[in-house]
Amino acid sequence: MVGGSDLGPWQNAETRAFLNEFMNRGCPVIPVLLPEAGAIPDLPIFLKQMTWVDLRKEYDQNFRKLVTAIKSRR
């Protein structure tokens, strides 16, 4: 999830480690932009290719899409 604060050096390292672990396990990753997020941060290229859930606009509709996506991946 991406909020209002930029990622710092530790968050960048943690994000990369987290994503690497999830990809190795074959777990789905759904990038989410929280309502207070500014621009999409500079994340690894494979995340940019995924479908994002943008809660900055049409919150209710996009939140329902997120819940549906999570349920469908169980």
N, C-alpha and C. Protein backbone atom coordinates (compact mmCIF):
# COMPACT_ATOMS: atom_id res chain seq x y z
N MET A 1 0.84 -1.17 0.00
CA MET A 1 0.00 0.00 0.00
C MET A 1 0.88 1.23 0.00
N VAL A 2 0.42 2.23 -0.67
CA VAL A 2 1.16 3.47 -0.76
C VAL A 2 0.32 4.57 -0.14
N GLY A 3 0.88 5.23 0.87
CA GLY A 3 0.17 6.31 1.56
C GLY A 3 0.72 7.66 1.18
N GLY A 4 0.60 8.62 2.10
CA GLY A 4 0.97 9.99 1.83
C GLY A 4 2.45 10.30 1.96
N SER A 5 3.20 9.47 2.67
CA SER A 5 4.63 9.73 2.87
C SER A 5 5.47 9.03 1.80
N ASP A 6 6.54 9.68 1.43
CA ASP A 6 7.45 9.03 0.49
C ASP A 6 8.17 7.89 1.17
N LEU A 7 8.69 6.97 0.36
CA LEU A 7 9.46 5.86 0.90
C LEU A 7 10.88 6.33 1.18
N GLY A 8 11.40 5.97 2.35
CA GLY A 8 12.78 6.27 2.70
C GLY A 8 13.67 5.08 2.40
N PRO A 9 14.96 5.17 2.72
CA PRO A 9 15.90 4.08 2.41
C PRO A 9 15.50 2.74 3.04
N TRP A 10 15.07 2.76 4.29
CA TRP A 10 14.67 1.50 4.93
C TRP A 10 13.40 0.94 4.30
N GLN A 11 12.45 1.80 4.00
CA GLN A 11 11.21 1.33 3.40
C GLN A 11 11.47 0.75 2.01
N ASN A 12 12.39 1.34 1.27
CA ASN A 12 12.73 0.80 -0.05
C ASN A 12 13.28 -0.62 0.08
N ALA A 13 14.20 -0.82 1.02
CA ALA A 13 14.79 -2.14 1.22
C ALA A 13 13.73 -3.13 1.70
N GLU A 14 12.89 -2.71 2.63
CA GLU A 14 11.83 -3.58 3.13
C GLU A 14 10.83 -3.93 2.03
N THR A 15 10.48 -2.96 1.22
CA THR A 15 9.54 -3.20 0.12
C THR A 15 10.09 -4.22 -0.85
N ARG A 16 11.34 -4.06 -1.23
CA ARG A 16 11.95 -5.01 -2.17
C ARG A 16 12.02 -6.42 -1.57
N ALA A 17 12.40 -6.53 -0.30
CA ALA A 17 12.49 -7.84 0.35
C ALA A 17 11.10 -8.47 0.45
N PHE A 18 10.11 -7.69 0.83
CA PHE A 18 8.74 -8.16 0.95
C PHE A 18 8.22 -8.66 -0.39
N LEU A 19 8.39 -7.87 -1.42
CA LEU A 19 7.91 -8.26 -2.75
C LEU A 19 8.63 -9.49 -3.26
N ASN A 20 9.93 -9.56 -3.03
CA ASN A 20 10.70 -10.72 -3.46
C ASN A 20 10.18 -11.99 -2.79
N GLU A 21 9.92 -11.92 -1.50
CA GLU A 21 9.41 -13.08 -0.76
C GLU A 21 8.04 -13.51 -1.28
N PHE A 22 7.16 -12.55 -1.51
CA PHE A 22 5.83 -12.89 -2.02
C PHE A 22 5.91 -13.49 -3.41
N MET A 23 6.76 -12.96 -4.25
CA MET A 23 6.90 -13.51 -5.60
C MET A 23 7.48 -14.93 -5.55
N ASN A 24 8.46 -15.16 -4.68
CA ASN A 24 9.03 -16.50 -4.53
C ASN A 24 8.01 -17.51 -4.06
N ARG A 25 7.07 -17.08 -3.23
CA ARG A 25 6.03 -17.96 -2.70
C ARG A 25 4.85 -18.10 -3.66
N GLY A 26 4.83 -17.30 -4.70
CA GLY A 26 3.71 -17.34 -5.64
C GLY A 26 2.46 -16.67 -5.09
N CYS A 27 2.63 -15.79 -4.12
CA CYS A 27 1.49 -15.08 -3.54
C CYS A 27 1.11 -13.89 -4.42
N PRO A 28 -0.18 -13.62 -4.52
CA PRO A 28 -0.59 -12.46 -5.32
C PRO A 28 -0.20 -11.15 -4.63
N VAL A 29 0.12 -10.17 -5.43
CA VAL A 29 0.43 -8.83 -4.93
C VAL A 29 -0.51 -7.87 -5.64
N ILE A 30 -1.25 -7.11 -4.86
CA ILE A 30 -2.18 -6.12 -5.42
C ILE A 30 -1.74 -4.75 -4.92
N PRO A 31 -1.09 -3.96 -5.77
CA PRO A 31 -0.69 -2.62 -5.35
C PRO A 31 -1.92 -1.75 -5.08
N VAL A 32 -1.90 -1.03 -3.96
CA VAL A 32 -3.02 -0.18 -3.56
C VAL A 32 -2.52 1.23 -3.27
N LEU A 33 -3.15 2.21 -3.89
CA LEU A 33 -2.86 3.62 -3.59
C LEU A 33 -3.91 4.09 -2.59
N LEU A 34 -3.48 4.45 -1.39
CA LEU A 34 -4.39 4.92 -0.35
C LEU A 34 -4.88 6.34 -0.67
N PRO A 35 -6.01 6.74 -0.08
CA PRO A 35 -6.59 8.05 -0.40
C PRO A 35 -5.63 9.22 -0.24
N GLU A 36 -4.72 9.18 0.74
CA GLU A 36 -3.81 10.30 0.96
C GLU A 36 -2.53 10.24 0.12
N ALA A 37 -2.41 9.23 -0.72
CA ALA A 37 -1.21 9.08 -1.55
C ALA A 37 -1.16 10.17 -2.62
N GLY A 38 0.04 10.60 -2.92
CA GLY A 38 0.23 11.56 -4.01
C GLY A 38 0.39 10.79 -5.31
N ALA A 39 1.48 11.00 -5.97
CA ALA A 39 1.77 10.30 -7.22
C ALA A 39 2.20 8.87 -6.93
N ILE A 40 2.11 8.02 -7.91
CA ILE A 40 2.57 6.64 -7.78
C ILE A 40 4.08 6.67 -7.56
N PRO A 41 4.57 6.02 -6.51
CA PRO A 41 6.01 6.06 -6.22
C PRO A 41 6.81 5.24 -7.22
N ASP A 42 8.09 5.42 -7.21
CA ASP A 42 8.99 4.67 -8.08
C ASP A 42 9.22 3.30 -7.46
N LEU A 43 8.48 2.31 -7.94
CA LEU A 43 8.59 0.94 -7.45
C LEU A 43 9.15 0.05 -8.55
N PRO A 44 9.49 -1.19 -8.23
CA PRO A 44 10.03 -2.10 -9.24
C PRO A 44 9.12 -2.19 -10.47
N ILE A 45 9.72 -2.39 -11.61
CA ILE A 45 9.00 -2.35 -12.90
C ILE A 45 7.86 -3.36 -12.95
N PHE A 46 8.04 -4.55 -12.35
CA PHE A 46 6.98 -5.54 -12.45
C PHE A 46 5.71 -5.09 -11.72
N LEU A 47 5.84 -4.24 -10.71
CA LEU A 47 4.65 -3.72 -10.04
C LEU A 47 3.92 -2.71 -10.91
N LYS A 48 4.66 -1.98 -11.69
CA LYS A 48 4.03 -0.98 -12.56
C LYS A 48 3.17 -1.66 -13.63
N GLN A 49 3.47 -2.92 -13.94
CA GLN A 49 2.73 -3.65 -14.96
C GLN A 49 1.45 -4.27 -14.40
N MET A 50 1.31 -4.32 -13.09
CA MET A 50 0.13 -4.92 -12.47
C MET A 50 -1.03 -3.93 -12.45
N THR A 51 -2.20 -4.48 -12.24
CA THR A 51 -3.38 -3.64 -12.09
C THR A 51 -3.40 -3.10 -10.67
N TRP A 52 -3.43 -1.79 -10.55
CA TRP A 52 -3.44 -1.12 -9.25
C TRP A 52 -4.88 -0.88 -8.82
N VAL A 53 -5.06 -0.80 -7.52
CA VAL A 53 -6.33 -0.33 -6.97
C VAL A 53 -6.06 1.08 -6.45
N ASP A 54 -6.73 2.04 -7.03
CA ASP A 54 -6.51 3.44 -6.70
C ASP A 54 -7.65 3.95 -5.83
N LEU A 55 -7.39 4.04 -4.52
CA LEU A 55 -8.42 4.50 -3.60
C LEU A 55 -8.44 6.01 -3.47
N ARG A 56 -7.67 6.72 -4.31
CA ARG A 56 -7.68 8.18 -4.29
C ARG A 56 -8.92 8.73 -4.98
N LYS A 57 -9.56 7.92 -5.80
CA LYS A 57 -10.75 8.35 -6.52
C LYS A 57 -11.75 7.20 -6.54
N GLU A 58 -13.02 7.51 -6.58
CA GLU A 58 -14.08 6.50 -6.60
C GLU A 58 -13.82 5.44 -5.54
N TYR A 59 -13.62 5.90 -4.30
CA TYR A 59 -13.19 5.03 -3.20
C TYR A 59 -14.08 3.80 -3.04
N ASP A 60 -15.39 4.00 -2.91
CA ASP A 60 -16.29 2.88 -2.65
C ASP A 60 -16.22 1.82 -3.75
N GLN A 61 -16.29 2.27 -4.98
CA GLN A 61 -16.25 1.35 -6.11
C GLN A 61 -14.91 0.61 -6.17
N ASN A 62 -13.81 1.32 -6.00
CA ASN A 62 -12.49 0.70 -6.08
C ASN A 62 -12.20 -0.19 -4.87
N PHE A 63 -12.74 0.16 -3.70
CA PHE A 63 -12.57 -0.70 -2.53
C PHE A 63 -13.29 -2.02 -2.75
N ARG A 64 -14.48 -1.97 -3.33
CA ARG A 64 -15.21 -3.21 -3.65
C ARG A 64 -14.41 -4.06 -4.63
N LYS A 65 -13.77 -3.43 -5.61
CA LYS A 65 -12.93 -4.17 -6.56
C LYS A 65 -11.78 -4.86 -5.84
N LEU A 66 -11.18 -4.17 -4.87
CA LEU A 66 -10.08 -4.74 -4.10
C LEU A 66 -10.55 -5.97 -3.32
N VAL A 67 -11.68 -5.84 -2.64
CA VAL A 67 -12.21 -6.96 -1.86
C VAL A 67 -12.52 -8.14 -2.78
N THR A 68 -13.12 -7.88 -3.92
CA THR A 68 -13.43 -8.94 -4.87
C THR A 68 -12.17 -9.63 -5.36
N ALA A 69 -11.12 -8.85 -5.65
CA ALA A 69 -9.86 -9.42 -6.12
C ALA A 69 -9.22 -10.30 -5.05
N ILE A 70 -9.29 -9.86 -3.80
CA ILE A 70 -8.72 -10.65 -2.71
C ILE A 70 -9.49 -11.96 -2.54
N LYS A 71 -10.80 -11.87 -2.57
CA LYS A 71 -11.61 -13.08 -2.41
C LYS A 71 -11.38 -14.07 -3.53
N SER A 72 -11.18 -13.58 -4.74
CA SER A 72 -11.02 -14.47 -5.89
C SER A 72 -9.67 -15.18 -5.91
N ARG A 73 -8.74 -14.72 -5.09
CA ARG A 73 -7.40 -15.31 -5.09
C ARG A 73 -7.18 -16.30 -3.96
N ARG A 74 -8.20 -16.59 -3.20
CA ARG A 74 -8.05 -17.55 -2.09
C ARG A 74 -7.99 -18.95 -2.60
